[in-house]
Amino acid sequence: MYKQKPWLKYYKDAPETIDYPRVTMYEALMQTVDKYPDRIAYDFFDYSSTYRQFGQDIDICANALASLGLKKCDRITISMPTSPQGIICFYAANKLGVVARKRRRY
């Protein structure tokens, strides 16, 4: 087996493959929101958000994007991908089926 897949010898106890659920990233996150609504989803500088609030913010953002006319397969650029607002926008776009990409730095 290691001849065909030499990297497996470094896996130790990790499985060779993982069965991921066949859901969108938004749906996977909402499963976490349902399971752990009061746990901290993120802590950014002096602001923390629970999964419940995070999910609500994503839905609000998705509604705003939809009201602008964004729909499945449209494309948007997110220019602040590592801020809470950028992450919220990313998941909102995923909810709508909009293709989101981060802005490249030159």
PDB file of N, CA and C in Angstrom:
ATOM      1  N   MET A   1       0.825  -1.196   0.000  1.00  0.00           N
ATOM      2  CA  MET A   1       0.000   0.000   0.000  1.00  0.00           C
ATOM      3  C   MET A   1       0.869   1.259   0.000  1.00  0.00           C
ATOM      4  N   TYR A   2       1.975   1.250   0.748  1.00  0.00           N
ATOM      5  CA  TYR A   2       2.823   2.432   0.848  1.00  0.00           C
ATOM      6  C   TYR A   2       3.526   2.764  -0.467  1.00  0.00           C
ATOM      7  N   LYS A   3       3.658   1.763  -1.351  1.00  0.00           N
ATOM      8  CA  LYS A   3       4.262   2.057  -2.653  1.00  0.00           C
ATOM      9  C   LYS A   3       3.356   2.957  -3.480  1.00  0.00           C
ATOM     10  N   GLN A   4       2.066   2.681  -3.441  1.00  0.00           N
ATOM     11  CA  GLN A   4       1.113   3.480  -4.204  1.00  0.00           C
ATOM     12  C   GLN A   4       0.777   4.792  -3.504  1.00  0.00           C
ATOM     13  N   LYS A   5       0.765   4.777  -2.173  1.00  0.00           N
ATOM     14  CA  LYS A   5       0.412   5.964  -1.378  1.00  0.00           C
ATOM     15  C   LYS A   5       1.414   6.116  -0.234  1.00  0.00           C
ATOM     16  N   PRO A   6       2.631   6.567  -0.524  1.00  0.00           N
ATOM     17  CA  PRO A   6       3.678   6.611   0.500  1.00  0.00           C
ATOM     18  C   PRO A   6       3.373   7.530   1.682  1.00  0.00           C
ATOM     19  N   TRP A   7       2.499   8.514   1.502  1.00  0.00           N
ATOM     20  CA  TRP A   7       2.177   9.442   2.580  1.00  0.00           C
ATOM     21  C   TRP A   7       1.405   8.763   3.714  1.00  0.00           C
ATOM     22  N   LEU A   8       0.772   7.617   3.444  1.00  0.00           N
ATOM     23  CA  LEU A   8      -0.022   6.954   4.474  1.00  0.00           C
ATOM     24  C   LEU A   8       0.815   6.494   5.663  1.00  0.00           C
ATOM     25  N   LYS A   9       2.080   6.230   5.457  1.00  0.00           N
ATOM     26  CA  LYS A   9       2.907   5.767   6.578  1.00  0.00           C
ATOM     27  C   LYS A   9       3.061   6.851   7.652  1.00  0.00           C
ATOM     28  N   TYR A  10       2.755   8.101   7.313  1.00  0.00           N
ATOM     29  CA  TYR A  10       2.847   9.203   8.269  1.00  0.00           C
ATOM     30  C   TYR A  10       1.512   9.479   8.962  1.00  0.00           C
ATOM     31  N   TYR A  11       0.474   8.795   8.575  1.00  0.00           N
ATOM     32  CA  TYR A  11      -0.857   9.040   9.123  1.00  0.00           C
ATOM     33  C   TYR A  11      -1.025   8.507  10.544  1.00  0.00           C
ATOM     34  N   LYS A  12      -0.231   7.525  10.936  1.00  0.00           N
ATOM     35  CA  LYS A  12      -0.337   6.868  12.246  1.00  0.00           C
ATOM     36  C   LYS A  12      -1.758   6.371  12.473  1.00  0.00           C
ATOM     37  N   ASP A  13      -2.477   6.945  13.456  1.00  0.00           N
ATOM     38  CA  ASP A  13      -3.828   6.469  13.783  1.00  0.00           C
ATOM     39  C   ASP A  13      -4.927   7.168  12.986  1.00  0.00           C
ATOM     40  N   ALA A  14      -4.555   8.121  12.142  1.00  0.00           N
ATOM     41  CA  ALA A  14      -5.561   8.832  11.344  1.00  0.00           C
ATOM     42  C   ALA A  14      -6.073   7.934  10.227  1.00  0.00           C
ATOM     43  N   PRO A  15      -7.363   7.995   9.953  1.00  0.00           N
ATOM     44  CA  PRO A  15      -7.894   7.148   8.882  1.00  0.00           C
ATOM     45  C   PRO A  15      -7.409   7.610   7.507  1.00  0.00           C
ATOM     46  N   GLU A  16      -7.379   6.693   6.574  1.00  0.00           N
ATOM     47  CA  GLU A  16      -6.951   7.015   5.206  1.00  0.00           C
ATOM     48  C   GLU A  16      -7.953   7.942   4.531  1.00  0.00           C
ATOM     49  N   THR A  17      -9.217   7.729   4.793  1.00  0.00           N
ATOM     50  CA  THR A  17     -10.269   8.568   4.221  1.00  0.00           C
ATOM     51  C   THR A  17     -11.276   8.921   5.311  1.00  0.00           C
ATOM     52  N   ILE A  18     -12.038   9.967   5.055  1.00  0.00           N
ATOM     53  CA  ILE A  18     -13.096  10.397   5.967  1.00  0.00           C
ATOM     54  C   ILE A  18     -14.362  10.561   5.143  1.00  0.00           C
ATOM     55  N   ASP A  19     -15.463  10.047   5.639  1.00  0.00           N
ATOM     56  CA  ASP A  19     -16.744  10.229   4.967  1.00  0.00           C
ATOM     57  C   ASP A  19     -17.344  11.564   5.420  1.00  0.00           C
ATOM     58  N   TYR A  20     -17.271  12.553   4.558  1.00  0.00           N
ATOM     59  CA  TYR A  20     -17.833  13.860   4.866  1.00  0.00           C
ATOM     60  C   TYR A  20     -19.311  13.875   4.502  1.00  0.00           C
ATOM     61  N   PRO A  21     -20.111  14.597   5.268  1.00  0.00           N
ATOM     62  CA  PRO A  21     -21.535  14.677   4.919  1.00  0.00           C
ATOM     63  C   PRO A  21     -21.715  15.410   3.589  1.00  0.00           C
ATOM     64  N   ARG A  22     -22.717  15.027   2.835  1.00  0.00           N
ATOM     65  CA  ARG A  22     -22.993  15.638   1.526  1.00  0.00           C
ATOM     66  C   ARG A  22     -23.911  16.842   1.720  1.00  0.00           C
ATOM     67  N   VAL A  23     -23.367  17.873   2.357  1.00  0.00           N
ATOM     68  CA  VAL A  23     -24.104  19.107   2.609  1.00  0.00           C
ATOM     69  C   VAL A  23     -23.215  20.289   2.238  1.00  0.00           C
ATOM     70  N   THR A  24     -23.828  21.448   2.094  1.00  0.00           N
ATOM     71  CA  THR A  24     -23.044  22.652   1.829  1.00  0.00           C
ATOM     72  C   THR A  24     -22.328  23.080   3.103  1.00  0.00           C
ATOM     73  N   MET A  25     -21.392  23.980   2.957  1.00  0.00           N
ATOM     74  CA  MET A  25     -20.698  24.508   4.138  1.00  0.00           C
ATOM     75  C   MET A  25     -21.699  25.220   5.050  1.00  0.00           C
ATOM     76  N   TYR A  26     -22.630  25.933   4.450  1.00  0.00           N
ATOM     77  CA  TYR A  26     -23.667  26.618   5.242  1.00  0.00           C
ATOM     78  C   TYR A  26     -24.475  25.594   6.046  1.00  0.00           C
ATOM     79  N   GLU A  27     -24.903  24.511   5.396  1.00  0.00           N
ATOM     80  CA  GLU A  27     -25.692  23.492   6.092  1.00  0.00           C
ATOM     81  C   GLU A  27     -24.885  22.834   7.212  1.00  0.00           C
ATOM     82  N   ALA A  28     -23.607  22.593   6.978  1.00  0.00           N
ATOM     83  CA  ALA A  28     -22.753  22.001   8.009  1.00  0.00           C
ATOM     84  C   ALA A  28     -22.626  22.947   9.199  1.00  0.00           C
ATOM     85  N   LEU A  29     -22.458  24.227   8.928  1.00  0.00           N
ATOM     86  CA  LEU A  29     -22.366  25.207  10.018  1.00  0.00           C
ATOM     87  C   LEU A  29     -23.685  25.276  10.785  1.00  0.00           C
ATOM     88  N   MET A  30     -24.809  25.243  10.074  1.00  0.00           N
ATOM     89  CA  MET A  30     -26.105  25.320  10.751  1.00  0.00           C
ATOM     90  C   MET A  30     -26.352  24.089  11.628  1.00  0.00           C
ATOM     91  N   GLN A  31     -25.779  22.949  11.270  1.00  0.00           N
ATOM     92  CA  GLN A  31     -25.860  21.780  12.147  1.00  0.00           C
ATOM     93  C   GLN A  31     -25.136  22.059  13.462  1.00  0.00           C
ATOM     94  N   THR A  32     -24.010  22.770  13.374  1.00  0.00           N
ATOM     95  CA  THR A  32     -23.272  23.141  14.582  1.00  0.00           C
ATOM     96  C   THR A  32     -24.056  24.179  15.379  1.00  0.00           C
ATOM     97  N   VAL A  33     -24.695  25.121  14.687  1.00  0.00           N
ATOM     98  CA  VAL A  33     -25.539  26.119  15.361  1.00  0.00           C
ATOM     99  C   VAL A  33     -26.637  25.413  16.150  1.00  0.00           C
ATOM    100  N   ASP A  34     -27.290  24.427  15.534  1.00  0.00           N
ATOM    101  CA  ASP A  34     -28.358  23.684  16.212  1.00  0.00           C
ATOM    102  C   ASP A  34     -27.835  22.879  17.397  1.00  0.00           C
ATOM    103  N   LYS A  35     -26.638  22.329  17.267  1.00  0.00           N
ATOM    104  CA  LYS A  35     -26.076  21.460  18.303  1.00  0.00           C
ATOM    105  C   LYS A  35     -25.472  22.250  19.469  1.00  0.00           C
ATOM    106  N   TYR A  36     -24.830  23.384  19.162  1.00  0.00           N
ATOM    107  CA  TYR A  36     -24.118  24.159  20.190  1.00  0.00           C
ATOM    108  C   TYR A  36     -24.467  25.645  20.118  1.00  0.00           C
ATOM    109  N   PRO A  37     -25.733  26.023  20.222  1.00  0.00           N
ATOM    110  CA  PRO A  37     -26.122  27.421  20.005  1.00  0.00           C
ATOM    111  C   PRO A  37     -25.471  28.432  20.954  1.00  0.00           C
ATOM    112  N   ASP A  38     -25.166  28.023  22.170  1.00  0.00           N
ATOM    113  CA  ASP A  38     -24.633  28.975  23.144  1.00  0.00           C
ATOM    114  C   ASP A  38     -23.111  28.939  23.294  1.00  0.00           C
ATOM    115  N   ARG A  39     -22.462  28.113  22.515  1.00  0.00           N
ATOM    116  CA  ARG A  39     -20.992  28.092  22.544  1.00  0.00           C
ATOM    117  C   ARG A  39     -20.442  29.220  21.687  1.00  0.00           C
ATOM    118  N   ILE A  40     -19.205  29.597  21.979  1.00  0.00           N
ATOM    119  CA  ILE A  40     -18.562  30.677  21.234  1.00  0.00           C
ATOM    120  C   ILE A  40     -18.160  30.174  19.848  1.00  0.00           C
ATOM    121  N   ALA A  41     -18.629  30.872  18.820  1.00  0.00           N
ATOM    122  CA  ALA A  41     -18.275  30.531  17.438  1.00  0.00           C
ATOM    123  C   ALA A  41     -16.954  31.181  17.062  1.00  0.00           C
ATOM    124  N   TYR A  42     -16.767  32.421  17.481  1.00  0.00           N
ATOM    125  CA  TYR A  42     -15.506  33.108  17.222  1.00  0.00           C
ATOM    126  C   TYR A  42     -15.309  34.218  18.242  1.00  0.00           C
ATOM    127  N   ASP A  43     -14.065  34.589  18.401  1.00  0.00           N
ATOM    128  CA  ASP A  43     -13.664  35.678  19.291  1.00  0.00           C
ATOM    129  C   ASP A  43     -12.709  36.533  18.476  1.00  0.00           C
ATOM    130  N   PHE A  44     -13.115  37.732  18.175  1.00  0.00           N
ATOM    131  CA  PHE A  44     -12.330  38.615  17.315  1.00  0.00           C
ATOM    132  C   PHE A  44     -12.073  39.914  18.060  1.00  0.00           C
ATOM    133  N   PHE A  45     -10.841  40.130  18.449  1.00  0.00           N
ATOM    134  CA  PHE A  45     -10.461  41.261  19.277  1.00  0.00           C
ATOM    135  C   PHE A  45     -11.342  41.290  20.519  1.00  0.00           C
ATOM    136  N   ASP A  46     -12.151  42.298  20.728  1.00  0.00           N
ATOM    137  CA  ASP A  46     -12.959  42.387  21.950  1.00  0.00           C
ATOM    138  C   ASP A  46     -14.396  41.917  21.751  1.00  0.00           C
ATOM    139  N   TYR A  47     -14.678  41.216  20.671  1.00  0.00           N
ATOM    140  CA  TYR A  47     -16.048  40.784  20.397  1.00  0.00           C
ATOM    141  C   TYR A  47     -16.116  39.269  20.231  1.00  0.00           C
ATOM    142  N   SER A  48     -17.032  38.651  20.963  1.00  0.00           N
ATOM    143  CA  SER A  48     -17.293  37.222  20.827  1.00  0.00           C
ATOM    144  C   SER A  48     -18.706  37.029  20.316  1.00  0.00           C
ATOM    145  N   SER A  49     -18.902  35.954  19.574  1.00  0.00           N
ATOM    146  CA  SER A  49     -20.231  35.632  19.066  1.00  0.00           C
ATOM    147  C   SER A  49     -20.526  34.172  19.332  1.00  0.00           C
ATOM    148  N   THR A  50     -21.744  33.899  19.767  1.00  0.00           N
ATOM    149  CA  THR A  50     -22.176  32.511  19.912  1.00  0.00           C
ATOM    150  C   THR A  50     -22.539  31.969  18.534  1.00  0.00           C
ATOM    151  N   TYR A  51     -22.664  30.660  18.446  1.00  0.00           N
ATOM    152  CA  TYR A  51     -23.091  30.061  17.181  1.00  0.00           C
ATOM    153  C   TYR A  51     -24.491  30.543  16.799  1.00  0.00           C
ATOM    154  N   ARG A  52     -25.371  30.721  17.801  1.00  0.00           N
ATOM    155  CA  ARG A  52     -26.719  31.199  17.507  1.00  0.00           C
ATOM    156  C   ARG A  52     -26.659  32.561  16.815  1.00  0.00           C
ATOM    157  N   GLN A  53     -25.901  33.499  17.398  1.00  0.00           N
ATOM    158  CA  GLN A  53     -25.789  34.838  16.821  1.00  0.00           C
ATOM    159  C   GLN A  53     -25.091  34.791  15.460  1.00  0.00           C
ATOM    160  N   PHE A  54     -24.070  33.968  15.355  1.00  0.00           N
ATOM    161  CA  PHE A  54     -23.346  33.801  14.095  1.00  0.00           C
ATOM    162  C   PHE A  54     -24.314  33.348  12.993  1.00  0.00           C
ATOM    163  N   GLY A  55     -25.128  32.347  13.289  1.00  0.00           N
ATOM    164  CA  GLY A  55     -26.111  31.863  12.319  1.00  0.00           C
ATOM    165  C   GLY A  55     -27.119  32.940  11.947  1.00  0.00           C
ATOM    166  N   GLN A  56     -27.576  33.707  12.933  1.00  0.00           N
ATOM    167  CA  GLN A  56     -28.522  34.791  12.663  1.00  0.00           C
ATOM    168  C   GLN A  56     -27.881  35.865  11.782  1.00  0.00           C
ATOM    169  N   ASP A  57     -26.627  36.204  12.063  1.00  0.00           N
ATOM    170  CA  ASP A  57     -25.925  37.207  11.251  1.00  0.00           C
ATOM    171  C   ASP A  57     -25.763  36.738   9.808  1.00  0.00           C
ATOM    172  N   ILE A  58     -25.477  35.462   9.637  1.00  0.00           N
ATOM    173  CA  ILE A  58     -25.337  34.897   8.288  1.00  0.00           C
ATOM    174  C   ILE A  58     -26.664  34.982   7.545  1.00  0.00           C
ATOM    175  N   ASP A  59     -27.759  34.627   8.210  1.00  0.00           N
ATOM    176  CA  ASP A  59     -29.068  34.676   7.560  1.00  0.00           C
ATOM    177  C   ASP A  59     -29.463  36.110   7.207  1.00  0.00           C
ATOM    178  N   ILE A  60     -29.165  37.061   8.073  1.00  0.00           N
ATOM    179  CA  ILE A  60     -29.444  38.470   7.788  1.00  0.00           C
ATOM    180  C   ILE A  60     -28.648  38.924   6.565  1.00  0.00           C
ATOM    181  N   CYS A  61     -27.379  38.565   6.520  1.00  0.00           N
ATOM    182  CA  CYS A  61     -26.528  38.929   5.392  1.00  0.00           C
ATOM    183  C   CYS A  61     -27.022  38.269   4.102  1.00  0.00           C
ATOM    184  N   ALA A  62     -27.426  36.995   4.180  1.00  0.00           N
ATOM    185  CA  ALA A  62     -27.941  36.301   2.997  1.00  0.00           C
ATOM    186  C   ALA A  62     -29.191  36.995   2.471  1.00  0.00           C
ATOM    187  N   ASN A  63     -30.059  37.414   3.372  1.00  0.00           N
ATOM    188  CA  ASN A  63     -31.267  38.137   2.955  1.00  0.00           C
ATOM    189  C   ASN A  63     -30.904  39.461   2.281  1.00  0.00           C
ATOM    190  N   ALA A  64     -29.889  40.139   2.812  1.00  0.00           N
ATOM    191  CA  ALA A  64     -29.456  41.408   2.211  1.00  0.00           C
ATOM    192  C   ALA A  64     -28.866  41.168   0.822  1.00  0.00           C
ATOM    193  N   LEU A  65     -28.047  40.143   0.679  1.00  0.00           N
ATOM    194  CA  LEU A  65     -27.473  39.829  -0.633  1.00  0.00           C
ATOM    195  C   LEU A  65     -28.562  39.454  -1.633  1.00  0.00           C
ATOM    196  N   ALA A  66     -29.540  38.679  -1.181  1.00  0.00           N
ATOM    197  CA  ALA A  66     -30.647  38.290  -2.066  1.00  0.00           C
ATOM    198  C   ALA A  66     -31.462  39.509  -2.477  1.00  0.00           C
ATOM    199  N   SER A  67     -31.639  40.455  -1.555  1.00  0.00           N
ATOM    200  CA  SER A  67     -32.412  41.656  -1.890  1.00  0.00           C
ATOM    201  C   SER A  67     -31.683  42.524  -2.913  1.00  0.00           C
ATOM    202  N   LEU A  68     -30.368  42.356  -3.017  1.00  0.00           N
ATOM    203  CA  LEU A  68     -29.596  43.059  -4.046  1.00  0.00           C
ATOM    204  C   LEU A  68     -29.676  42.343  -5.395  1.00  0.00           C
ATOM    205  N   GLY A  69     -30.303  41.184  -5.396  1.00  0.00           N
ATOM    206  CA  GLY A  69     -30.484  40.436  -6.638  1.00  0.00           C
ATOM    207  C   GLY A  69     -29.495  39.309  -6.848  1.00  0.00           C
ATOM    208  N   LEU A  70     -28.635  39.044  -5.869  1.00  0.00           N
ATOM    209  CA  LEU A  70     -27.686  37.942  -6.015  1.00  0.00           C
ATOM    210  C   LEU A  70     -28.417  36.608  -5.942  1.00  0.00           C
ATOM    211  N   LYS A  71     -28.036  35.698  -6.822  1.00  0.00           N
ATOM    212  CA  LYS A  71     -28.675  34.391  -6.878  1.00  0.00           C
ATOM    213  C   LYS A  71     -27.646  33.324  -7.216  1.00  0.00           C
ATOM    214  N   LYS A  72     -28.098  32.088  -7.194  1.00  0.00           N
ATOM    215  CA  LYS A  72     -27.227  30.941  -7.437  1.00  0.00           C
ATOM    216  C   LYS A  72     -26.381  31.150  -8.695  1.00  0.00           C
ATOM    217  N   CYS A  73     -25.103  30.834  -8.563  1.00  0.00           N
ATOM    218  CA  CYS A  73     -24.086  30.905  -9.625  1.00  0.00           C
ATOM    219  C   CYS A  73     -23.584  32.319  -9.912  1.00  0.00           C
ATOM    220  N   ASP A  74     -24.164  33.350  -9.299  1.00  0.00           N
ATOM    221  CA  ASP A  74     -23.560  34.675  -9.406  1.00  0.00           C
ATOM    222  C   ASP A  74     -22.235  34.647  -8.663  1.00  0.00           C
ATOM    223  N   ARG A  75     -21.390  35.645  -8.916  1.00  0.00           N
ATOM    224  CA  ARG A  75     -20.066  35.697  -8.283  1.00  0.00           C
ATOM    225  C   ARG A  75     -19.889  37.015  -7.543  1.00  0.00           C
ATOM    226  N   ILE A  76     -19.261  36.914  -6.362  1.00  0.00           N
ATOM    227  CA  ILE A  76     -18.917  38.116  -5.605  1.00  0.00           C
ATOM    228  C   ILE A  76     -17.484  37.991  -5.101  1.00  0.00           C
ATOM    229  N   THR A  77     -16.901  39.132  -4.819  1.00  0.00           N
ATOM    230  CA  THR A  77     -15.570  39.170  -4.210  1.00  0.00           C
ATOM    231  C   THR A  77     -15.721  39.677  -2.778  1.00  0.00           C
ATOM    232  N   ILE A  78     -15.068  39.005  -1.851  1.00  0.00           N
ATOM    233  CA  ILE A  78     -15.062  39.425  -0.444  1.00  0.00           C
ATOM    234  C   ILE A  78     -13.668  39.947  -0.159  1.00  0.00           C
ATOM    235  N   SER A  79     -13.556  41.231   0.147  1.00  0.00           N
ATOM    236  CA  SER A  79     -12.227  41.834   0.285  1.00  0.00           C
ATOM    237  C   SER A  79     -11.727  41.898   1.719  1.00  0.00           C
ATOM    238  N   MET A  80     -12.447  41.322   2.670  1.00  0.00           N
ATOM    239  CA  MET A  80     -11.963  41.236   4.050  1.00  0.00           C
ATOM    240  C   MET A  80     -12.228  39.834   4.576  1.00  0.00           C
ATOM    241  N   PRO A  81     -11.561  38.839   3.981  1.00  0.00           N
ATOM    242  CA  PRO A  81     -11.922  37.444   4.245  1.00  0.00           C
ATOM    243  C   PRO A  81     -11.622  36.938   5.647  1.00  0.00           C
ATOM    244  N   THR A  82     -10.762  37.580   6.405  1.00  0.00           N
ATOM    245  CA  THR A  82     -10.427  37.053   7.727  1.00  0.00           C
ATOM    246  C   THR A  82     -11.105  37.818   8.859  1.00  0.00           C
ATOM    247  N   SER A  83     -12.013  38.712   8.544  1.00  0.00           N
ATOM    248  CA  SER A  83     -12.780  39.414   9.572  1.00  0.00           C
ATOM    249  C   SER A  83     -14.109  38.694   9.768  1.00  0.00           C
ATOM    250  N   PRO A  84     -14.767  38.892  10.902  1.00  0.00           N
ATOM    251  CA  PRO A  84     -16.082  38.274  11.084  1.00  0.00           C
ATOM    252  C   PRO A  84     -17.048  38.640   9.949  1.00  0.00           C
ATOM    253  N   GLN A  85     -17.014  39.887   9.517  1.00  0.00           N
ATOM    254  CA  GLN A  85     -17.914  40.313   8.440  1.00  0.00           C
ATOM    255  C   GLN A  85     -17.636  39.540   7.154  1.00  0.00           C
ATOM    256  N   GLY A  86     -16.368  39.287   6.864  1.00  0.00           N
ATOM    257  CA  GLY A  86     -16.012  38.529   5.676  1.00  0.00           C
ATOM    258  C   GLY A  86     -16.462  37.090   5.764  1.00  0.00           C
ATOM    259  N   ILE A  87     -16.310  36.482   6.930  1.00  0.00           N
ATOM    260  CA  ILE A  87     -16.727  35.089   7.124  1.00  0.00           C
ATOM    261  C   ILE A  87     -18.255  34.983   7.060  1.00  0.00           C
ATOM    262  N   ILE A  88     -18.937  35.934   7.677  1.00  0.00           N
ATOM    263  CA  ILE A  88     -20.404  35.960   7.626  1.00  0.00           C
ATOM    264  C   ILE A  88     -20.860  36.069   6.172  1.00  0.00           C
ATOM    265  N   CYS A  89     -20.241  36.957   5.416  1.00  0.00           N
ATOM    266  CA  CYS A  89     -20.591  37.145   4.010  1.00  0.00           C
ATOM    267  C   CYS A  89     -20.303  35.877   3.202  1.00  0.00           C
ATOM    268  N   PHE A  90     -19.203  35.212   3.505  1.00  0.00           N
ATOM    269  CA  PHE A  90     -18.860  33.973   2.800  1.00  0.00           C
ATOM    270  C   PHE A  90     -19.936  32.909   2.989  1.00  0.00           C
ATOM    271  N   TYR A  91     -20.348  32.679   4.241  1.00  0.00           N
ATOM    272  CA  TYR A  91     -21.381  31.679   4.505  1.00  0.00           C
ATOM    273  C   TYR A  91     -22.730  32.112   3.942  1.00  0.00           C
ATOM    274  N   ALA A  92     -23.028  33.414   3.962  1.00  0.00           N
ATOM    275  CA  ALA A  92     -24.273  33.914   3.378  1.00  0.00           C
ATOM    276  C   ALA A  92     -24.296  33.636   1.879  1.00  0.00           C
ATOM    277  N   ALA A  93     -23.177  33.865   1.228  1.00  0.00           N
ATOM    278  CA  ALA A  93     -23.082  33.588  -0.202  1.00  0.00           C
ATOM    279  C   ALA A  93     -23.274  32.091  -0.452  1.00  0.00           C
ATOM    280  N   ASN A  94     -22.654  31.262   0.390  1.00  0.00           N
ATOM    281  CA  ASN A  94     -22.795  29.814   0.249  1.00  0.00           C
ATOM    282  C   ASN A  94     -24.252  29.387   0.412  1.00  0.00           C
ATOM    283  N   LYS A  95     -24.960  30.019   1.335  1.00  0.00           N
ATOM    284  CA  LYS A  95     -26.379  29.704   1.534  1.00  0.00           C
ATOM    285  C   LYS A  95     -27.167  29.943   0.252  1.00  0.00           C
ATOM    286  N   LEU A  96     -26.830  31.031  -0.453  1.00  0.00           N
ATOM    287  CA  LEU A  96     -27.551  31.396  -1.676  1.00  0.00           C
ATOM    288  C   LEU A  96     -27.059  30.647  -2.920  1.00  0.00           C
ATOM    289  N   GLY A  97     -25.927  29.965  -2.805  1.00  0.00           N
ATOM    290  CA  GLY A  97     -25.339  29.321  -3.970  1.00  0.00           C
ATOM    291  C   GLY A  97     -24.501  30.270  -4.803  1.00  0.00           C
ATOM    292  N   VAL A  98     -24.174  31.412  -4.207  1.00  0.00           N
ATOM    293  CA  VAL A  98     -23.333  32.418  -4.869  1.00  0.00           C
ATOM    294  C   VAL A  98     -21.877  31.999  -4.705  1.00  0.00           C
ATOM    295  N   VAL A  99     -21.086  32.177  -5.734  1.00  0.00           N
ATOM    296  CA  VAL A  99     -19.668  31.834  -5.692  1.00  0.00           C
ATOM    297  C   VAL A  99     -18.919  33.018  -5.098  1.00  0.00           C
ATOM    298  N   ALA A 100     -18.253  32.787  -3.978  1.00  0.00           N
ATOM    299  CA  ALA A 100     -17.507  33.853  -3.298  1.00  0.00           C
ATOM    300  C   ALA A 100     -16.018  33.590  -3.409  1.00  0.00           C
ATOM    301  N   ARG A 101     -15.263  34.637  -3.626  1.00  0.00           N
ATOM    302  CA  ARG A 101     -13.808  34.499  -3.649  1.00  0.00           C
ATOM    303  C   ARG A 101     -13.205  35.687  -2.918  1.00  0.00           C
ATOM    304  N   LYS A 102     -12.035  35.446  -2.387  1.00  0.00           N
ATOM    305  CA  LYS A 102     -11.357  36.532  -1.696  1.00  0.00           C
ATOM    306  C   LYS A 102     -10.572  37.359  -2.694  1.00  0.00           C
ATOM    307  N   ARG A 103     -10.339  38.567  -2.327  1.00  0.00           N
ATOM    308  CA  ARG A 103      -9.582  39.474  -3.193  1.00  0.00           C
ATOM    309  C   ARG A 103      -8.111  39.124  -3.103  1.00  0.00           C
ATOM    310  N   ARG A 104      -7.455  39.080  -4.225  1.00  0.00           N
ATOM    311  CA  ARG A 104      -6.015  38.812  -4.240  1.00  0.00           C
ATOM    312  C   ARG A 104      -5.253  40.069  -3.884  1.00  0.00           C
ATOM    313  N   ARG A 105      -4.178  39.870  -3.183  1.00  0.00           N
ATOM    314  CA  ARG A 105      -3.280  40.995  -2.884  1.00  0.00           C
ATOM    315  C   ARG A 105      -2.155  41.000  -3.879  1.00  0.00           C
ATOM    316  N   TYR A 106      -1.822  42.172  -4.355  1.00  0.00           N
ATOM    317  CA  TYR A 106      -0.726  42.281  -5.323  1.00  0.00           C
ATOM    318  C   TYR A 106       0.399  43.089  -4.762  1.00  0.00           C
TER     319      TYR A 106
END
